[in-house]
Amino acid sequence: MSLLGLGLAIAAIVLAFKRDFREAAAVFAVGVVAVLLATPAGLNLLRDTVGSVFGGR
Protein backbone atom coordinates (compact mmCIF):
# COMPACT_ATOMS: atom_id res chain seq x y z
CA MET A 1 0.00 0.00 0.00
CA SER A 2 2.75 2.47 0.87
CA LEU A 3 4.69 1.64 -2.30
CA LEU A 4 1.59 2.40 -4.36
CA GLY A 5 1.22 5.78 -2.70
CA LEU A 6 4.94 6.50 -3.03
CA GLY A 7 4.96 5.67 -6.73
CA LEU A 8 1.98 7.87 -7.48
CA ALA A 9 3.41 10.70 -5.38
CA ILE A 10 6.66 10.55 -7.34
CA ALA A 11 4.72 10.60 -10.61
CA ALA A 12 2.80 13.66 -9.44
CA ILE A 13 6.04 15.44 -8.51
CA VAL A 14 7.58 14.66 -11.90
CA LEU A 15 4.50 16.00 -13.67
CA ALA A 16 4.56 19.12 -11.51
CA PHE A 17 8.16 19.82 -12.52
CA LYS A 18 7.11 19.48 -16.15
CA ARG A 19 4.54 22.23 -15.45
CA ASP A 20 1.64 19.87 -16.14
CA PHE A 21 -0.27 20.73 -12.98
CA ARG A 22 -3.64 19.37 -14.11
CA GLU A 23 -2.27 15.86 -14.69
CA ALA A 24 -0.18 16.08 -11.52
CA ALA A 25 -3.31 16.87 -9.50
CA ALA A 26 -5.18 13.99 -11.15
CA VAL A 27 -2.36 11.52 -10.42
CA PHE A 28 -2.15 12.73 -6.82
CA ALA A 29 -5.93 12.37 -6.38
CA VAL A 30 -5.87 8.84 -7.81
CA GLY A 31 -3.02 7.99 -5.43
CA VAL A 32 -4.91 9.26 -2.39
CA VAL A 33 -8.06 7.36 -3.35
CA ALA A 34 -6.07 4.18 -4.05
CA VAL A 35 -4.33 4.30 -0.69
CA LEU A 36 -7.59 5.03 1.16
CA LEU A 37 -9.39 2.17 -0.56
CA ALA A 38 -6.53 -0.22 0.19
CA THR A 39 -7.16 0.07 3.93
CA PRO A 40 -9.59 -2.30 5.66
CA ALA A 41 -12.08 0.52 6.17
CA GLY A 42 -11.91 1.32 2.46
CA LEU A 43 -12.54 -2.31 1.55
CA ASN A 44 -15.57 -2.39 3.85
CA LEU A 45 -16.84 0.79 2.21
CA LEU A 46 -16.51 -0.82 -1.22
CA ARG A 47 -18.34 -3.95 -0.07
CA ASP A 48 -21.15 -1.90 1.47
CA THR A 49 -21.47 0.26 -1.66
CA VAL A 50 -21.59 -2.74 -4.00
CA GLY A 51 -24.05 -4.48 -1.69
CA SER A 52 -26.38 -1.50 -1.64
CA VAL A 53 -26.18 -0.92 -5.40
CA PHE A 54 -26.61 -4.54 -6.46
CA GLY A 55 -28.84 -5.69 -3.62
CA GLY A 56 -26.71 -7.57 -1.16
CA ARG A 57 -28.01 -10.05 1.38
C-alpha atoms as a PDB file:
ATOM      1  CA  MET A   1       0.000   0.000   0.000  1.00  0.00           C
ATOM      2  CA  SER A   2       2.746   2.470   0.875  1.00  0.00           C
ATOM      3  CA  LEU A   3       4.686   1.636  -2.300  1.00  0.00           C
ATOM      4  CA  LEU A   4       1.595   2.396  -4.359  1.00  0.00           C
ATOM      5  CA  GLY A   5       1.222   5.780  -2.697  1.00  0.00           C
ATOM      6  CA  LEU A   6       4.943   6.498  -3.028  1.00  0.00           C
ATOM      7  CA  GLY A   7       4.960   5.666  -6.728  1.00  0.00           C
ATOM      8  CA  LEU A   8       1.980   7.867  -7.481  1.00  0.00           C
ATOM      9  CA  ALA A   9       3.406  10.703  -5.379  1.00  0.00           C
ATOM     10  CA  ILE A  10       6.663  10.554  -7.340  1.00  0.00           C
ATOM     11  CA  ALA A  11       4.715  10.596 -10.606  1.00  0.00           C
ATOM     12  CA  ALA A  12       2.796  13.663  -9.437  1.00  0.00           C
ATOM     13  CA  ILE A  13       6.040  15.438  -8.510  1.00  0.00           C
ATOM     14  CA  VAL A  14       7.584  14.660 -11.901  1.00  0.00           C
ATOM     15  CA  LEU A  15       4.504  15.997 -13.669  1.00  0.00           C
ATOM     16  CA  ALA A  16       4.563  19.124 -11.507  1.00  0.00           C
ATOM     17  CA  PHE A  17       8.158  19.817 -12.517  1.00  0.00           C
ATOM     18  CA  LYS A  18       7.106  19.476 -16.145  1.00  0.00           C
ATOM     19  CA  ARG A  19       4.538  22.235 -15.446  1.00  0.00           C
ATOM     20  CA  ASP A  20       1.641  19.872 -16.135  1.00  0.00           C
ATOM     21  CA  PHE A  21      -0.275  20.733 -12.981  1.00  0.00           C
ATOM     22  CA  ARG A  22      -3.645  19.366 -14.114  1.00  0.00           C
ATOM     23  CA  GLU A  23      -2.272  15.863 -14.692  1.00  0.00           C
ATOM     24  CA  ALA A  24      -0.183  16.083 -11.519  1.00  0.00           C
ATOM     25  CA  ALA A  25      -3.310  16.871  -9.499  1.00  0.00           C
ATOM     26  CA  ALA A  26      -5.176  13.991 -11.146  1.00  0.00           C
ATOM     27  CA  VAL A  27      -2.364  11.516 -10.419  1.00  0.00           C
ATOM     28  CA  PHE A  28      -2.153  12.731  -6.824  1.00  0.00           C
ATOM     29  CA  ALA A  29      -5.925  12.366  -6.381  1.00  0.00           C
ATOM     30  CA  VAL A  30      -5.874   8.841  -7.808  1.00  0.00           C
ATOM     31  CA  GLY A  31      -3.024   7.988  -5.433  1.00  0.00           C
ATOM     32  CA  VAL A  32      -4.908   9.264  -2.394  1.00  0.00           C
ATOM     33  CA  VAL A  33      -8.061   7.360  -3.347  1.00  0.00           C
ATOM     34  CA  ALA A  34      -6.073   4.180  -4.053  1.00  0.00           C
ATOM     35  CA  VAL A  35      -4.333   4.301  -0.685  1.00  0.00           C
ATOM     36  CA  LEU A  36      -7.589   5.034   1.164  1.00  0.00           C
ATOM     37  CA  LEU A  37      -9.393   2.173  -0.564  1.00  0.00           C
ATOM     38  CA  ALA A  38      -6.533  -0.224   0.186  1.00  0.00           C
ATOM     39  CA  THR A  39      -7.165   0.068   3.929  1.00  0.00           C
ATOM     40  CA  PRO A  40      -9.590  -2.302   5.664  1.00  0.00           C
ATOM     41  CA  ALA A  41     -12.080   0.523   6.173  1.00  0.00           C
ATOM     42  CA  GLY A  42     -11.911   1.319   2.463  1.00  0.00           C
ATOM     43  CA  LEU A  43     -12.545  -2.313   1.549  1.00  0.00           C
ATOM     44  CA  ASN A  44     -15.574  -2.389   3.850  1.00  0.00           C
ATOM     45  CA  LEU A  45     -16.836   0.793   2.212  1.00  0.00           C
ATOM     46  CA  LEU A  46     -16.506  -0.816  -1.225  1.00  0.00           C
ATOM     47  CA  ARG A  47     -18.339  -3.948  -0.072  1.00  0.00           C
ATOM     48  CA  ASP A  48     -21.154  -1.902   1.466  1.00  0.00           C
ATOM     49  CA  THR A  49     -21.473   0.256  -1.655  1.00  0.00           C
ATOM     50  CA  VAL A  50     -21.588  -2.743  -3.997  1.00  0.00           C
ATOM     51  CA  GLY A  51     -24.047  -4.483  -1.693  1.00  0.00           C
ATOM     52  CA  SER A  52     -26.375  -1.500  -1.644  1.00  0.00           C
ATOM     53  CA  VAL A  53     -26.180  -0.919  -5.403  1.00  0.00           C
ATOM     54  CA  PHE A  54     -26.608  -4.542  -6.464  1.00  0.00           C
ATOM     55  CA  GLY A  55     -28.837  -5.692  -3.616  1.00  0.00           C
ATOM     56  CA  GLY A  56     -26.706  -7.574  -1.158  1.00  0.00           C
ATOM     57  CA  ARG A  57     -28.009 -10.055   1.378  1.00  0.00           C
END
